N, C-alpha and C. Protein backbone atom coordinates (compact mmCIF):
# COMPACT_ATOMS: atom_id res chain seq x y z
N UNK A 1 0.81 -1.21 0.00
CA UNK A 1 0.00 0.00 0.00
C UNK A 1 0.85 1.26 0.00
N UNK A 2 2.18 1.12 0.13
CA UNK A 2 3.04 2.29 0.20
C UNK A 2 2.92 3.13 -1.05
N UNK A 3 2.61 2.49 -2.21
CA UNK A 3 2.55 3.22 -3.47
C UNK A 3 1.21 3.87 -3.72
N UNK A 4 0.26 3.70 -2.81
CA UNK A 4 -1.09 4.23 -3.03
C UNK A 4 -1.05 5.74 -3.22
N UNK A 5 -0.39 6.47 -2.31
CA UNK A 5 -0.37 7.92 -2.42
C UNK A 5 0.49 8.37 -3.59
N UNK A 6 1.56 7.60 -3.90
CA UNK A 6 2.39 7.94 -5.06
C UNK A 6 1.57 7.81 -6.33
N UNK A 7 0.78 6.74 -6.42
CA UNK A 7 -0.08 6.51 -7.59
C UNK A 7 -1.09 7.65 -7.74
N UNK A 8 -1.73 8.04 -6.67
CA UNK A 8 -2.76 9.05 -6.77
C UNK A 8 -2.17 10.42 -7.08
N UNK A 9 -0.92 10.64 -6.73
CA UNK A 9 -0.30 11.92 -7.04
C UNK A 9 -0.21 12.13 -8.54
N UNK A 10 -0.03 11.04 -9.30
CA UNK A 10 0.11 11.16 -10.74
C UNK A 10 -1.23 11.03 -11.46
N UNK A 11 -2.15 10.24 -10.91
CA UNK A 11 -3.37 9.92 -11.62
C UNK A 11 -4.60 10.70 -11.15
N UNK A 12 -4.59 11.17 -9.94
CA UNK A 12 -5.78 11.83 -9.43
C UNK A 12 -5.46 13.00 -8.54
N UNK A 13 -5.69 12.84 -7.24
CA UNK A 13 -5.48 13.92 -6.28
C UNK A 13 -4.05 13.87 -5.76
N UNK A 14 -3.36 14.99 -5.83
CA UNK A 14 -1.97 15.05 -5.39
C UNK A 14 -1.93 15.33 -3.88
N UNK A 15 -2.02 14.27 -3.09
CA UNK A 15 -2.06 14.44 -1.65
C UNK A 15 -0.75 14.96 -1.09
N UNK A 16 0.34 14.88 -1.88
CA UNK A 16 1.62 15.38 -1.38
C UNK A 16 1.62 16.90 -1.25
N UNK A 17 0.67 17.58 -1.89
CA UNK A 17 0.50 19.02 -1.69
C UNK A 17 -0.37 19.23 -0.46
N UNK A 18 0.22 19.84 0.58
CA UNK A 18 -0.46 19.90 1.88
C UNK A 18 -1.82 20.57 1.81
N UNK A 19 -1.93 21.63 1.00
CA UNK A 19 -3.21 22.34 0.91
C UNK A 19 -4.30 21.43 0.34
N UNK A 20 -3.93 20.60 -0.63
CA UNK A 20 -4.90 19.69 -1.23
C UNK A 20 -5.28 18.59 -0.24
N UNK A 21 -4.29 18.02 0.43
CA UNK A 21 -4.58 16.98 1.44
C UNK A 21 -5.48 17.55 2.53
N UNK A 22 -5.18 18.76 3.00
CA UNK A 22 -5.98 19.37 4.06
C UNK A 22 -7.41 19.64 3.60
N UNK A 23 -7.57 19.97 2.31
CA UNK A 23 -8.92 20.21 1.78
C UNK A 23 -9.75 18.93 1.84
N UNK A 24 -9.13 17.80 1.51
CA UNK A 24 -9.84 16.52 1.56
C UNK A 24 -10.13 16.13 3.00
N UNK A 25 -9.14 16.30 3.89
CA UNK A 25 -9.38 16.00 5.30
C UNK A 25 -10.56 16.82 5.83
N UNK A 26 -10.54 18.12 5.54
CA UNK A 26 -11.58 19.02 6.03
C UNK A 26 -12.95 18.62 5.50
N UNK A 27 -12.99 18.22 4.24
CA UNK A 27 -14.26 17.83 3.63
C UNK A 27 -14.90 16.66 4.39
N UNK A 28 -14.11 15.63 4.65
CA UNK A 28 -14.65 14.47 5.36
C UNK A 28 -14.95 14.78 6.82
N UNK A 29 -14.12 15.60 7.45
CA UNK A 29 -14.35 15.95 8.85
C UNK A 29 -15.60 16.81 9.01
N UNK A 30 -15.88 17.65 8.02
CA UNK A 30 -17.03 18.55 8.09
C UNK A 30 -18.34 17.83 7.78
N UNK A 31 -18.32 16.98 6.77
CA UNK A 31 -19.56 16.38 6.28
C UNK A 31 -19.72 14.91 6.67
N UNK A 32 -18.72 14.31 7.28
CA UNK A 32 -18.66 12.89 7.62
C UNK A 32 -18.52 12.07 6.33
N UNK A 33 -18.17 10.82 6.49
CA UNK A 33 -17.98 9.96 5.32
C UNK A 33 -19.25 9.87 4.48
N UNK A 34 -20.39 9.72 5.14
CA UNK A 34 -21.64 9.52 4.42
C UNK A 34 -22.11 10.78 3.69
N UNK A 35 -21.61 11.95 4.10
CA UNK A 35 -22.09 13.18 3.50
C UNK A 35 -21.27 13.69 2.34
N UNK A 36 -20.21 12.97 1.98
CA UNK A 36 -19.30 13.42 0.92
C UNK A 36 -19.61 12.71 -0.38
N UNK A 37 -19.59 13.47 -1.48
CA UNK A 37 -19.76 12.90 -2.82
C UNK A 37 -18.51 13.19 -3.63
N UNK A 38 -18.36 12.49 -4.74
CA UNK A 38 -17.21 12.74 -5.61
C UNK A 38 -17.25 14.14 -6.21
N UNK A 39 -18.45 14.66 -6.45
CA UNK A 39 -18.56 16.05 -6.93
C UNK A 39 -17.99 17.01 -5.89
N UNK A 40 -18.28 16.77 -4.62
CA UNK A 40 -17.76 17.63 -3.55
C UNK A 40 -16.24 17.52 -3.47
N UNK A 41 -15.73 16.31 -3.66
CA UNK A 41 -14.27 16.12 -3.65
C UNK A 41 -13.63 16.93 -4.77
N UNK A 42 -14.19 16.82 -5.97
CA UNK A 42 -13.64 17.55 -7.11
C UNK A 42 -13.65 19.05 -6.86
N UNK A 43 -14.74 19.56 -6.32
CA UNK A 43 -14.83 20.99 -6.03
C UNK A 43 -13.83 21.41 -4.97
N UNK A 44 -13.63 20.58 -3.95
CA UNK A 44 -12.77 20.97 -2.83
C UNK A 44 -11.30 21.06 -3.23
N UNK A 45 -10.88 20.25 -4.20
CA UNK A 45 -9.48 20.25 -4.61
C UNK A 45 -9.29 20.92 -5.97
N UNK A 46 -10.38 21.48 -6.51
CA UNK A 46 -10.32 22.20 -7.78
C UNK A 46 -9.76 21.33 -8.91
N UNK A 47 -10.31 20.13 -9.01
CA UNK A 47 -9.94 19.20 -10.07
C UNK A 47 -11.20 18.85 -10.84
N UNK A 48 -11.15 18.76 -12.18
CA UNK A 48 -12.35 18.40 -12.94
C UNK A 48 -12.95 17.08 -12.44
N UNK A 49 -14.26 17.06 -12.37
CA UNK A 49 -14.96 15.87 -11.87
C UNK A 49 -14.59 14.63 -12.68
N UNK A 50 -14.44 14.80 -13.98
CA UNK A 50 -14.12 13.66 -14.85
C UNK A 50 -12.78 13.05 -14.47
N UNK A 51 -11.83 13.90 -14.08
CA UNK A 51 -10.50 13.40 -13.69
C UNK A 51 -10.59 12.62 -12.37
N UNK A 52 -11.40 13.11 -11.46
CA UNK A 52 -11.59 12.39 -10.19
C UNK A 52 -12.23 11.04 -10.47
N UNK A 53 -13.27 11.03 -11.31
CA UNK A 53 -13.98 9.79 -11.62
C UNK A 53 -13.08 8.79 -12.33
N UNK A 54 -12.11 9.29 -13.10
CA UNK A 54 -11.23 8.40 -13.85
C UNK A 54 -10.29 7.62 -12.93
N UNK A 55 -10.08 8.14 -11.72
CA UNK A 55 -9.15 7.52 -10.78
C UNK A 55 -9.84 6.83 -9.62
N UNK A 56 -10.94 7.40 -9.15
CA UNK A 56 -11.62 6.89 -7.96
C UNK A 56 -13.04 6.46 -8.31
N UNK A 57 -13.36 5.21 -8.03
CA UNK A 57 -14.69 4.71 -8.34
C UNK A 57 -15.72 5.10 -7.29
N UNK A 58 -15.25 5.56 -6.13
CA UNK A 58 -16.17 5.88 -5.04
C UNK A 58 -15.51 6.85 -4.08
N UNK A 59 -16.33 7.45 -3.21
CA UNK A 59 -15.77 8.32 -2.17
C UNK A 59 -14.91 7.50 -1.20
N UNK A 60 -15.24 6.23 -1.05
CA UNK A 60 -14.42 5.37 -0.19
C UNK A 60 -12.98 5.33 -0.69
N UNK A 61 -12.78 5.22 -2.00
CA UNK A 61 -11.43 5.15 -2.54
C UNK A 61 -10.68 6.45 -2.30
N UNK A 62 -11.37 7.58 -2.37
CA UNK A 62 -10.73 8.87 -2.05
C UNK A 62 -10.34 8.89 -0.57
N UNK A 63 -11.29 8.50 0.28
CA UNK A 63 -11.03 8.47 1.72
C UNK A 63 -9.84 7.57 2.04
N UNK A 64 -9.79 6.40 1.42
CA UNK A 64 -8.73 5.44 1.72
C UNK A 64 -7.38 5.94 1.21
N UNK A 65 -7.36 6.57 0.04
CA UNK A 65 -6.12 7.14 -0.48
C UNK A 65 -5.61 8.24 0.45
N UNK A 66 -6.53 9.06 0.95
CA UNK A 66 -6.14 10.11 1.89
C UNK A 66 -5.62 9.52 3.19
N UNK A 67 -6.25 8.44 3.65
CA UNK A 67 -5.80 7.77 4.87
C UNK A 67 -4.40 7.19 4.69
N UNK A 68 -4.16 6.57 3.54
CA UNK A 68 -2.82 6.03 3.26
C UNK A 68 -1.78 7.15 3.31
N UNK A 69 -2.11 8.28 2.70
CA UNK A 69 -1.15 9.39 2.70
C UNK A 69 -0.91 9.91 4.10
N UNK A 70 -1.97 10.15 4.85
CA UNK A 70 -1.83 10.73 6.19
C UNK A 70 -1.03 9.82 7.11
N UNK A 71 -1.29 8.52 7.05
CA UNK A 71 -0.59 7.60 7.94
C UNK A 71 0.85 7.35 7.50
N UNK A 72 1.10 7.38 6.19
CA UNK A 72 2.48 7.26 5.71
C UNK A 72 3.31 8.45 6.17
N UNK A 73 2.73 9.65 6.07
CA UNK A 73 3.44 10.86 6.52
C UNK A 73 3.76 10.77 8.01
N UNK A 74 2.81 10.29 8.79
CA UNK A 74 3.03 10.13 10.23
C UNK A 74 4.16 9.14 10.49
N UNK A 75 4.12 7.99 9.82
CA UNK A 75 5.14 6.98 10.07
C UNK A 75 6.52 7.48 9.65
N UNK A 76 6.61 8.12 8.50
CA UNK A 76 7.90 8.63 8.04
C UNK A 76 8.47 9.66 9.01
N UNK A 77 7.60 10.40 9.68
CA UNK A 77 8.05 11.43 10.62
C UNK A 77 8.59 10.84 11.91
N UNK A 78 8.17 9.64 12.26
CA UNK A 78 8.56 9.07 13.56
C UNK A 78 9.57 7.93 13.44
N UNK A 79 9.73 7.37 12.25
CA UNK A 79 10.59 6.20 12.09
C UNK A 79 12.06 6.61 11.98
N UNK A 80 12.88 6.05 12.83
CA UNK A 80 14.32 6.31 12.80
C UNK A 80 15.04 4.98 12.63
N UNK A 81 15.18 4.56 11.39
CA UNK A 81 15.83 3.27 11.13
C UNK A 81 17.30 3.34 11.52
N UNK A 82 17.79 2.25 12.05
CA UNK A 82 19.20 2.17 12.38
C UNK A 82 19.58 2.75 13.72
N UNK A 83 18.61 3.17 14.51
CA UNK A 83 18.92 3.72 15.83
C UNK A 83 19.54 2.64 16.71
N UNK A 84 20.59 3.02 17.45
CA UNK A 84 21.25 2.08 18.36
C UNK A 84 20.94 2.41 19.81
N UNK A 85 20.03 3.34 20.03
CA UNK A 85 19.63 3.69 21.39
C UNK A 85 18.93 2.50 22.05
N UNK A 86 18.93 2.44 23.38
CA UNK A 86 18.19 1.39 24.08
C UNK A 86 16.71 1.41 23.69
N UNK A 87 16.05 0.26 23.71
CA UNK A 87 14.64 0.18 23.27
C UNK A 87 13.71 1.17 23.96
N UNK A 88 13.85 1.35 25.28
CA UNK A 88 12.96 2.27 25.99
C UNK A 88 13.17 3.70 25.52
N UNK A 89 14.42 4.04 25.24
CA UNK A 89 14.73 5.38 24.71
C UNK A 89 14.09 5.54 23.32
N UNK A 90 14.21 4.51 22.49
CA UNK A 90 13.61 4.56 21.15
C UNK A 90 12.09 4.68 21.25
N UNK A 91 11.49 3.92 22.17
CA UNK A 91 10.04 3.97 22.32
C UNK A 91 9.59 5.37 22.74
N UNK A 92 10.31 5.97 23.67
CA UNK A 92 10.00 7.35 24.07
C UNK A 92 10.09 8.29 22.87
N UNK A 93 11.17 8.15 22.10
CA UNK A 93 11.37 9.03 20.94
C UNK A 93 10.22 8.90 19.94
N UNK A 94 9.80 7.67 19.68
CA UNK A 94 8.69 7.45 18.74
C UNK A 94 7.42 8.09 19.27
N UNK A 95 7.13 7.90 20.55
CA UNK A 95 5.91 8.46 21.13
C UNK A 95 5.92 9.98 21.08
N UNK A 96 7.03 10.60 21.44
CA UNK A 96 7.11 12.06 21.40
C UNK A 96 7.03 12.57 19.96
N UNK A 97 7.60 11.81 19.02
CA UNK A 97 7.52 12.21 17.61
C UNK A 97 6.09 12.15 17.10
N UNK A 98 5.33 11.13 17.54
CA UNK A 98 3.91 11.04 17.17
C UNK A 98 3.16 12.25 17.71
N UNK A 99 3.40 12.60 18.97
CA UNK A 99 2.73 13.76 19.56
C UNK A 99 3.06 15.03 18.80
N UNK A 100 4.34 15.24 18.51
CA UNK A 100 4.77 16.47 17.84
C UNK A 100 4.20 16.56 16.43
N UNK A 101 4.29 15.47 15.68
CA UNK A 101 3.78 15.48 14.30
C UNK A 101 2.27 15.71 14.29
N UNK A 102 1.56 15.05 15.19
CA UNK A 102 0.10 15.16 15.20
C UNK A 102 -0.36 16.55 15.58
N UNK A 103 0.34 17.19 16.51
CA UNK A 103 -0.02 18.55 16.91
C UNK A 103 0.30 19.54 15.79
N UNK A 104 1.37 19.27 15.06
CA UNK A 104 1.72 20.15 13.92
C UNK A 104 0.77 19.97 12.75
N UNK A 105 0.14 18.80 12.66
CA UNK A 105 -0.76 18.50 11.54
C UNK A 105 -2.11 18.06 12.09
N UNK A 106 -2.84 18.99 12.71
CA UNK A 106 -4.09 18.62 13.39
C UNK A 106 -5.16 18.05 12.47
N UNK A 107 -5.26 18.56 11.25
CA UNK A 107 -6.28 18.03 10.35
C UNK A 107 -6.01 16.57 10.01
N UNK A 108 -4.74 16.26 9.75
CA UNK A 108 -4.38 14.88 9.44
C UNK A 108 -4.67 13.97 10.63
N UNK A 109 -4.33 14.44 11.83
CA UNK A 109 -4.58 13.63 13.04
C UNK A 109 -6.08 13.37 13.20
N UNK A 110 -6.89 14.41 13.06
CA UNK A 110 -8.33 14.24 13.25
C UNK A 110 -8.94 13.37 12.15
N UNK A 111 -8.38 13.48 10.95
CA UNK A 111 -8.87 12.66 9.84
C UNK A 111 -8.57 11.18 10.10
N UNK A 112 -7.35 10.88 10.54
CA UNK A 112 -6.97 9.49 10.83
C UNK A 112 -7.89 8.89 11.88
N UNK A 113 -8.25 9.70 12.87
CA UNK A 113 -9.03 9.20 14.00
C UNK A 113 -10.53 9.44 13.85
N UNK A 114 -10.98 9.94 12.70
CA UNK A 114 -12.39 10.28 12.55
C UNK A 114 -13.28 9.05 12.68
N UNK A 115 -14.51 9.24 13.16
CA UNK A 115 -15.43 8.09 13.29
C UNK A 115 -15.68 7.42 11.95
N UNK A 116 -15.66 6.11 11.96
CA UNK A 116 -15.96 5.34 10.75
C UNK A 116 -17.47 5.22 10.59
N UNK A 117 -17.90 5.09 9.34
CA UNK A 117 -19.32 4.95 9.04
C UNK A 117 -19.71 3.48 8.96
N UNK A 118 -20.93 3.17 9.33
CA UNK A 118 -21.43 1.80 9.17
C UNK A 118 -21.52 1.42 7.70
N UNK A 119 -21.59 2.43 6.83
CA UNK A 119 -21.68 2.17 5.39
C UNK A 119 -20.31 2.06 4.74
N UNK A 120 -19.25 2.22 5.52
CA UNK A 120 -17.90 2.17 4.99
C UNK A 120 -17.43 0.71 4.96
N UNK A 121 -17.19 0.19 3.79
CA UNK A 121 -16.73 -1.19 3.71
C UNK A 121 -15.32 -1.28 4.28
N UNK A 122 -14.98 -2.45 4.75
CA UNK A 122 -13.63 -2.65 5.28
C UNK A 122 -12.63 -2.60 4.13
N UNK A 123 -11.48 -1.95 4.32
CA UNK A 123 -10.47 -1.95 3.26
C UNK A 123 -9.90 -3.35 3.07
N UNK A 124 -9.34 -3.57 1.88
CA UNK A 124 -8.71 -4.87 1.62
C UNK A 124 -7.61 -5.15 2.64
N UNK A 125 -6.93 -4.11 3.06
CA UNK A 125 -5.94 -4.22 4.12
C UNK A 125 -5.81 -2.84 4.76
N UNK A 126 -5.36 -2.78 6.02
CA UNK A 126 -5.22 -1.47 6.66
C UNK A 126 -4.22 -0.61 5.91
N UNK A 127 -4.31 0.69 6.08
CA UNK A 127 -3.37 1.61 5.44
C UNK A 127 -1.95 1.28 5.89
N UNK A 128 -1.00 1.43 4.97
CA UNK A 128 0.38 1.03 5.24
C UNK A 128 0.93 1.69 6.50
N UNK A 129 0.70 2.99 6.65
CA UNK A 129 1.25 3.70 7.80
C UNK A 129 0.72 3.18 9.12
N UNK A 130 -0.54 2.74 9.13
CA UNK A 130 -1.13 2.16 10.34
C UNK A 130 -0.40 0.88 10.71
N UNK A 131 -0.19 0.02 9.72
CA UNK A 131 0.51 -1.25 9.95
C UNK A 131 1.93 -0.99 10.43
N UNK A 132 2.63 -0.08 9.74
CA UNK A 132 4.04 0.16 10.04
C UNK A 132 4.24 0.77 11.42
N UNK A 133 3.41 1.74 11.80
CA UNK A 133 3.56 2.37 13.11
C UNK A 133 3.26 1.36 14.22
N UNK A 134 2.20 0.61 14.04
CA UNK A 134 1.84 -0.39 15.06
C UNK A 134 2.94 -1.44 15.19
N UNK A 135 3.51 -1.88 14.06
CA UNK A 135 4.58 -2.88 14.10
C UNK A 135 5.83 -2.32 14.79
N UNK A 136 6.14 -1.06 14.52
CA UNK A 136 7.30 -0.42 15.15
C UNK A 136 7.11 -0.35 16.66
N UNK A 137 5.95 0.11 17.10
CA UNK A 137 5.69 0.20 18.54
C UNK A 137 5.73 -1.18 19.20
N UNK A 138 5.13 -2.17 18.55
CA UNK A 138 5.09 -3.51 19.14
C UNK A 138 6.49 -4.11 19.24
N UNK A 139 7.32 -3.87 18.23
CA UNK A 139 8.69 -4.39 18.27
C UNK A 139 9.46 -3.78 19.44
N UNK A 140 9.32 -2.47 19.63
CA UNK A 140 10.02 -1.80 20.72
C UNK A 140 9.48 -2.23 22.08
N UNK A 141 8.17 -2.43 22.17
CA UNK A 141 7.57 -2.90 23.42
C UNK A 141 8.12 -4.28 23.78
N UNK A 142 8.18 -5.17 22.79
CA UNK A 142 8.72 -6.52 23.04
C UNK A 142 10.16 -6.45 23.53
N UNK A 143 10.95 -5.55 22.93
CA UNK A 143 12.34 -5.40 23.35
C UNK A 143 12.43 -4.85 24.77
N UNK A 144 11.52 -3.94 25.11
CA UNK A 144 11.50 -3.39 26.47
C UNK A 144 11.16 -4.48 27.50
N UNK A 145 10.26 -5.38 27.13
CA UNK A 145 9.92 -6.50 28.02
C UNK A 145 11.12 -7.44 28.15
N UNK A 146 11.77 -7.71 27.02
CA UNK A 146 12.93 -8.62 27.03
C UNK A 146 14.06 -8.06 27.88
N UNK A 147 14.24 -6.75 27.87
CA UNK A 147 15.33 -6.13 28.63
C UNK A 147 14.89 -5.71 30.03
N UNK A 148 13.70 -6.15 30.43
CA UNK A 148 13.19 -5.93 31.78
C UNK A 148 12.91 -4.46 32.11
N UNK A 149 12.69 -3.65 31.06
CA UNK A 149 12.19 -2.29 31.30
C UNK A 149 10.72 -2.34 31.70
N UNK A 150 9.99 -3.31 31.11
CA UNK A 150 8.58 -3.53 31.42
C UNK A 150 8.41 -4.92 32.01
N UNK A 151 7.43 -5.04 32.88
CA UNK A 151 7.10 -6.36 33.43
C UNK A 151 6.54 -7.25 32.33
N UNK A 152 6.74 -8.57 32.42
CA UNK A 152 6.20 -9.49 31.41
C UNK A 152 4.68 -9.39 31.34
N UNK A 153 4.18 -9.08 30.17
CA UNK A 153 2.75 -9.00 29.93
C UNK A 153 2.52 -8.96 28.42
N UNK A 154 1.29 -8.83 28.00
CA UNK A 154 0.95 -8.87 26.58
C UNK A 154 1.51 -7.64 25.85
N UNK A 155 2.40 -7.89 24.89
CA UNK A 155 2.95 -6.78 24.09
C UNK A 155 1.86 -6.14 23.24
N UNK A 156 0.88 -6.96 22.83
CA UNK A 156 -0.24 -6.44 22.05
C UNK A 156 -1.06 -5.45 22.87
N UNK A 157 -1.32 -5.79 24.12
CA UNK A 157 -2.10 -4.92 25.00
C UNK A 157 -1.36 -3.60 25.26
N UNK A 158 -0.06 -3.68 25.51
CA UNK A 158 0.72 -2.46 25.74
C UNK A 158 0.73 -1.59 24.50
N UNK A 159 0.92 -2.21 23.33
CA UNK A 159 0.96 -1.44 22.08
C UNK A 159 -0.35 -0.70 21.85
N UNK A 160 -1.47 -1.39 22.01
CA UNK A 160 -2.77 -0.75 21.82
C UNK A 160 -2.99 0.34 22.87
N UNK A 161 -2.53 0.10 24.09
CA UNK A 161 -2.68 1.10 25.15
C UNK A 161 -1.87 2.36 24.83
N UNK A 162 -0.66 2.17 24.32
CA UNK A 162 0.17 3.32 23.95
C UNK A 162 -0.50 4.13 22.84
N UNK A 163 -1.06 3.44 21.84
CA UNK A 163 -1.76 4.14 20.76
C UNK A 163 -2.95 4.93 21.30
N UNK A 164 -3.71 4.33 22.20
CA UNK A 164 -4.85 5.03 22.81
C UNK A 164 -4.39 6.24 23.60
N UNK A 165 -3.31 6.06 24.36
CA UNK A 165 -2.77 7.16 25.16
C UNK A 165 -2.34 8.32 24.27
N UNK A 166 -1.64 8.01 23.19
CA UNK A 166 -1.16 9.06 22.28
C UNK A 166 -2.32 9.82 21.65
N UNK A 167 -3.34 9.08 21.19
CA UNK A 167 -4.51 9.75 20.60
C UNK A 167 -5.17 10.66 21.62
N UNK A 168 -5.30 10.19 22.85
CA UNK A 168 -5.95 11.00 23.88
C UNK A 168 -5.17 12.25 24.22
N UNK A 169 -3.86 12.12 24.34
CA UNK A 169 -3.02 13.28 24.66
C UNK A 169 -3.07 14.31 23.54
N UNK A 170 -2.99 13.85 22.29
CA UNK A 170 -3.04 14.79 21.16
C UNK A 170 -4.38 15.51 21.12
N UNK A 171 -5.47 14.76 21.28
CA UNK A 171 -6.79 15.40 21.28
C UNK A 171 -6.88 16.46 22.37
N UNK A 172 -6.35 16.16 23.54
CA UNK A 172 -6.40 17.12 24.64
C UNK A 172 -5.57 18.35 24.31
N UNK A 173 -4.39 18.15 23.74
CA UNK A 173 -3.53 19.27 23.36
C UNK A 173 -4.21 20.16 22.32
N UNK A 174 -4.86 19.54 21.34
CA UNK A 174 -5.49 20.31 20.27
C UNK A 174 -6.74 21.03 20.74
N UNK A 175 -7.47 20.43 21.65
CA UNK A 175 -8.76 20.99 22.07
C UNK A 175 -8.66 21.94 23.25
N UNK A 176 -7.65 21.77 24.10
CA UNK A 176 -7.50 22.62 25.29
C UNK A 176 -6.18 23.36 25.20
N UNK A 177 -6.08 24.27 24.27
CA UNK A 177 -4.80 24.92 23.99
C UNK A 177 -4.45 26.03 24.98
N UNK A 178 -5.39 26.42 25.82
CA UNK A 178 -5.13 27.56 26.70
C UNK A 178 -4.29 27.19 27.92
N UNK A 179 -4.05 25.90 28.15
CA UNK A 179 -3.25 25.50 29.30
C UNK A 179 -1.78 25.71 28.99
N UNK A 180 -1.09 26.61 29.70
CA UNK A 180 0.29 26.95 29.35
C UNK A 180 1.28 25.81 29.59
N UNK A 181 0.97 24.91 30.51
CA UNK A 181 1.89 23.82 30.83
C UNK A 181 1.48 22.51 30.16
N UNK A 182 0.80 22.61 29.03
CA UNK A 182 0.30 21.43 28.34
C UNK A 182 1.42 20.47 27.95
N UNK A 183 2.55 21.01 27.47
CA UNK A 183 3.65 20.14 27.05
C UNK A 183 4.18 19.34 28.23
N UNK A 184 4.30 20.00 29.40
CA UNK A 184 4.76 19.29 30.59
C UNK A 184 3.77 18.20 31.01
N UNK A 185 2.47 18.49 30.82
CA UNK A 185 1.46 17.50 31.16
C UNK A 185 1.59 16.27 30.27
N UNK A 186 1.85 16.49 28.98
CA UNK A 186 2.03 15.37 28.05
C UNK A 186 3.21 14.51 28.47
N UNK A 187 4.31 15.16 28.85
CA UNK A 187 5.49 14.42 29.32
C UNK A 187 5.13 13.60 30.56
N UNK A 188 4.42 14.22 31.48
CA UNK A 188 4.07 13.55 32.74
C UNK A 188 3.19 12.32 32.49
N UNK A 189 2.22 12.47 31.61
CA UNK A 189 1.31 11.35 31.31
C UNK A 189 2.09 10.17 30.72
N UNK A 190 2.95 10.47 29.73
CA UNK A 190 3.69 9.40 29.06
C UNK A 190 4.67 8.73 30.02
N UNK A 191 5.42 9.54 30.77
CA UNK A 191 6.42 8.97 31.67
C UNK A 191 5.75 8.20 32.81
N UNK A 192 4.61 8.67 33.28
CA UNK A 192 3.89 7.95 34.34
C UNK A 192 3.41 6.59 33.84
N UNK A 193 2.95 6.55 32.59
CA UNK A 193 2.49 5.27 32.03
C UNK A 193 3.66 4.29 31.92
N UNK A 194 4.79 4.76 31.38
CA UNK A 194 5.95 3.88 31.25
C UNK A 194 6.43 3.39 32.62
N UNK A 195 6.43 4.29 33.60
CA UNK A 195 6.86 3.90 34.95
C UNK A 195 5.95 2.81 35.52
N UNK A 196 4.68 2.89 35.19
CA UNK A 196 3.73 1.89 35.68
C UNK A 196 3.91 0.52 35.05
N UNK A 197 4.63 0.46 33.93
CA UNK A 197 4.89 -0.82 33.27
C UNK A 197 6.14 -1.51 33.79
N UNK A 198 6.92 -0.79 34.60
CA UNK A 198 8.19 -1.34 35.10
C UNK A 198 7.94 -2.56 36.00
N UNK A 199 8.88 -3.50 36.03
CA UNK A 199 8.71 -4.69 36.87
C UNK A 199 8.69 -4.34 38.36
């Protein structure tokens, strides 16, 4: 699925242009999945309707292409291949990078986490960035357990808990911006959670 956004950049909507990607995110966030039509997509990105139709058979395909792009951008921003830091240090770095990227790109974050529709068919496979980020977190969690940074327990449960924690912290940061010590609060929440996993 890594080539999904590359393909659409040449054939349909160029999601690599931030203004265009944000227009699509805003469209779905404003009208929900069920309220968006291909005509609305074409108008929002200023592309002829015929060109949109030539690439996307449905609004679902537009939504999924946008999801692939948003999650790939997130993963590329947090992935540091070849790091030799201890696993717990790497896990912290990834978590803080997720927070920073998501706060810098609020529309993309909200789009990734937007409510799914009952009319939305399941994708053939999850978006690449979703798979890659989850796999990265799970690998680091397993290493933290192996090196006794965390007590022995389900790596799957910890991984899902970390993802939930990150989404919650980002939502709080984006929605309650008037708190001057918000960044310190985010640090405290993350470090307290990791401390609670220690043996």
